[in-house]
Amino acid sequence: MPMMNYVAGTVTKRLPKVISPRTHAIVDYITAGMFLIAAALFWRRNKRAALGALVCSGVDLTLSLLTDYPGWVANFISFPTHCKIDVGLAAMVAEMPRFMKFEDDKQKKFFTLQGGSIIGAANLTDFDRPVYRRQERREHERERRAS
C-alpha cells in the first residue's frame, strides 16, 4: 500500500466519526466525478492515466449506485460493507499508476491523493451505528441461508 494511504489511514483511524452516510454518498459521487474530469484532462498527454481514471470512476460509481445508503433506493451492498470495500478501492486507486505503467509521470500524484482521500473519508464515516449492525447481521443470515 502506498505511503499516502498508510498515512491517511493512520491519521484518520482514531479521529471522531464525523461524516454522515448522506455526506459519504455525496463524497463518493464527487470522487467519481473527479475521476471523470481527470480522465478528460489526462487524455491528450497520458492515455494510460486517462484509462486508469476511467476505471476508477466506473468502480466508484458502481459501488455507490449499489450501496444501501440509509434513505436511498438501492440495497445490494450494505453501508458498512461499502466502507470496507472503500479501503480496497483506495488501495486500487493508489496502485493504478504502477498497474497501468505510468508511475514515473506527474499524473501519479492525482491517484495518490485520491487514494488517500478515499481511505480518509471511509475512516471518518460513522457506519457503526446499531442500525448498520442490524443490516450486517441480516446480510450474514441471508448469505448463510443461501449456502
Protein backbone atom coordinates (compact mmCIF):
# COMPACT_ATOMS: atom_id res chain seq x y z
CA MET A 1 0.00 0.00 0.00
CA PRO A 2 1.46 3.38 -0.94
CA MET A 3 2.67 5.67 1.82
CA MET A 4 -0.13 8.25 1.35
CA ASN A 5 -2.80 5.64 2.05
CA TYR A 6 -0.93 4.44 5.11
CA VAL A 7 -0.51 7.95 6.50
CA ALA A 8 -4.12 8.95 5.76
CA GLY A 9 -5.39 5.71 7.30
CA THR A 10 -3.25 6.07 10.40
CA VAL A 11 -4.16 9.71 10.97
CA THR A 12 -7.91 9.33 10.43
CA LYS A 13 -8.44 5.96 12.11
CA ARG A 14 -8.64 7.34 15.65
CA LEU A 15 -10.40 10.61 14.85
CA PRO A 16 -14.10 11.05 15.64
CA LYS A 17 -16.52 9.72 13.04
CA VAL A 18 -17.95 12.99 11.73
CA ILE A 19 -19.13 12.08 8.22
CA SER A 20 -22.77 11.01 7.97
CA PRO A 21 -23.93 8.37 5.47
CA ARG A 22 -25.58 11.04 3.32
CA THR A 23 -22.37 13.10 3.24
CA HIS A 24 -20.36 9.96 2.47
CA ALA A 25 -22.63 9.29 -0.52
CA ILE A 26 -22.11 12.84 -1.77
CA VAL A 27 -18.33 12.49 -1.35
CA ASP A 28 -18.41 9.23 -3.32
CA TYR A 29 -20.26 10.82 -6.24
CA ILE A 30 -17.90 13.82 -6.21
CA THR A 31 -14.93 11.42 -6.23
CA ALA A 32 -16.34 9.55 -9.23
CA GLY A 33 -16.86 12.89 -10.99
CA MET A 34 -13.31 13.96 -10.23
CA PHE A 35 -12.03 10.77 -11.84
CA LEU A 36 -14.09 11.51 -14.96
CA ILE A 37 -12.75 15.07 -15.14
CA ALA A 38 -9.21 13.77 -14.66
CA ALA A 39 -9.71 11.26 -17.48
CA ALA A 40 -10.72 14.07 -19.81
CA LEU A 41 -7.76 16.21 -18.75
CA PHE A 42 -5.24 13.35 -18.98
CA TRP A 43 -6.48 12.03 -22.34
CA ARG A 44 -4.20 14.07 -24.64
CA ARG A 45 -1.00 13.69 -22.64
CA ASN A 46 -1.27 10.30 -21.00
CA LYS A 47 -3.78 7.75 -22.28
CA ARG A 48 -2.80 5.21 -19.61
CA ALA A 49 -3.57 7.65 -16.80
CA ALA A 50 -6.85 8.58 -18.52
CA LEU A 51 -7.88 4.92 -18.78
CA GLY A 52 -6.91 4.37 -15.15
CA ALA A 53 -9.07 7.31 -14.12
CA LEU A 54 -11.99 5.93 -16.15
CA VAL A 55 -11.66 2.54 -14.47
CA CYS A 56 -11.54 4.13 -11.01
CA SER A 57 -14.54 6.31 -11.81
CA GLY A 58 -16.55 3.33 -13.02
CA VAL A 59 -15.73 1.25 -9.95
CA ASP A 60 -16.50 4.09 -7.54
CA LEU A 61 -19.76 4.99 -9.30
CA THR A 62 -20.91 1.36 -9.47
CA LEU A 63 -20.14 0.83 -5.79
CA SER A 64 -22.08 3.97 -4.89
CA LEU A 65 -25.09 3.03 -7.01
CA LEU A 66 -25.29 -0.44 -5.46
CA THR A 67 -24.92 0.69 -1.84
CA ASP A 68 -27.79 0.75 0.62
CA TYR A 69 -27.23 4.25 1.93
CA PRO A 70 -29.79 4.96 4.66
CA GLY A 71 -32.74 6.63 2.97
CA TRP A 72 -31.67 5.72 -0.58
CA VAL A 73 -33.10 3.25 -3.07
CA ALA A 74 -30.50 0.56 -3.81
CA ASN A 75 -29.94 -2.27 -1.35
CA PHE A 76 -27.42 -4.64 -2.90
CA ILE A 77 -24.46 -3.74 -0.67
CA SER A 78 -24.89 -2.72 2.97
CA PHE A 79 -23.40 0.58 4.04
CA PRO A 80 -20.87 -0.96 6.47
CA THR A 81 -19.72 -3.33 3.72
CA HIS A 82 -19.40 -0.34 1.38
CA CYS A 83 -16.99 1.30 3.83
CA LYS A 84 -14.89 -1.87 3.95
CA ILE A 85 -14.80 -2.01 0.16
CA ASP A 86 -13.71 1.64 0.13
CA VAL A 87 -10.45 0.61 1.81
CA GLY A 88 -9.77 -1.81 -1.05
CA LEU A 89 -10.80 0.81 -3.59
CA ALA A 90 -8.32 3.26 -2.07
CA ALA A 91 -5.55 0.68 -2.46
CA MET A 92 -6.58 0.03 -6.07
CA VAL A 93 -6.58 3.75 -6.87
CA ALA A 94 -3.17 4.29 -5.32
CA GLU A 95 -1.70 1.30 -7.21
CA MET A 96 -3.24 2.28 -10.56
CA PRO A 97 -0.11 4.18 -11.74
CA ARG A 98 2.04 1.10 -11.21
CA PHE A 99 -0.54 -1.21 -12.76
CA MET A 100 -1.01 0.99 -15.84
CA LYS A 101 2.75 1.71 -16.10
CA PHE A 102 2.78 5.48 -15.58
CA GLU A 103 4.37 5.59 -12.12
CA ASP A 104 7.08 8.00 -13.27
CA ASP A 105 4.62 10.55 -14.69
CA LYS A 106 3.18 13.55 -12.87
CA GLN A 107 -0.37 12.13 -13.11
CA LYS A 108 0.62 9.70 -10.37
CA LYS A 109 0.11 12.45 -7.78
CA PHE A 110 -3.60 12.66 -8.58
CA PHE A 111 -4.10 8.95 -7.94
CA THR A 112 -2.03 9.07 -4.76
CA LEU A 113 -4.11 11.94 -3.38
CA GLN A 114 -7.39 10.33 -4.42
CA GLY A 115 -6.43 7.06 -2.71
CA GLY A 116 -5.60 8.92 0.48
CA SER A 117 -8.84 10.90 0.40
CA ILE A 118 -10.94 7.76 -0.15
CA ILE A 119 -9.43 5.98 2.84
CA GLY A 120 -9.72 9.16 4.91
CA ALA A 121 -13.41 9.51 4.09
CA ALA A 122 -14.02 5.85 4.90
CA ASN A 123 -12.27 6.15 8.27
CA LEU A 124 -14.14 9.32 9.19
CA THR A 125 -17.59 7.94 8.32
CA ASP A 126 -19.91 6.88 11.12
CA PHE A 127 -21.05 3.43 9.97
CA ASP A 128 -21.01 1.68 13.33
CA ARG A 129 -24.47 2.71 14.49
CA PRO A 130 -26.84 0.00 15.76
CA VAL A 131 -28.98 0.22 12.59
CA TYR A 132 -25.95 -0.68 10.45
CA ARG A 133 -25.01 -3.58 12.71
CA ARG A 134 -28.54 -4.96 12.26
CA GLN A 135 -28.09 -4.65 8.49
CA GLU A 136 -24.84 -6.60 8.70
CA ARG A 137 -26.48 -9.37 10.75
CA ARG A 138 -29.33 -9.65 8.24
CA GLU A 139 -26.83 -9.82 5.39
CA HIS A 140 -24.85 -12.60 7.10
CA GLU A 141 -28.04 -14.57 7.76
CA ARG A 142 -29.08 -14.26 4.10
CA GLU A 143 -25.65 -15.47 2.98
CA ARG A 144 -25.80 -18.38 5.41
CA ARG A 145 -29.26 -19.42 4.19
CA ALA A 146 -28.16 -19.20 0.56
CA SER A 147 -25.25 -21.58 1.07
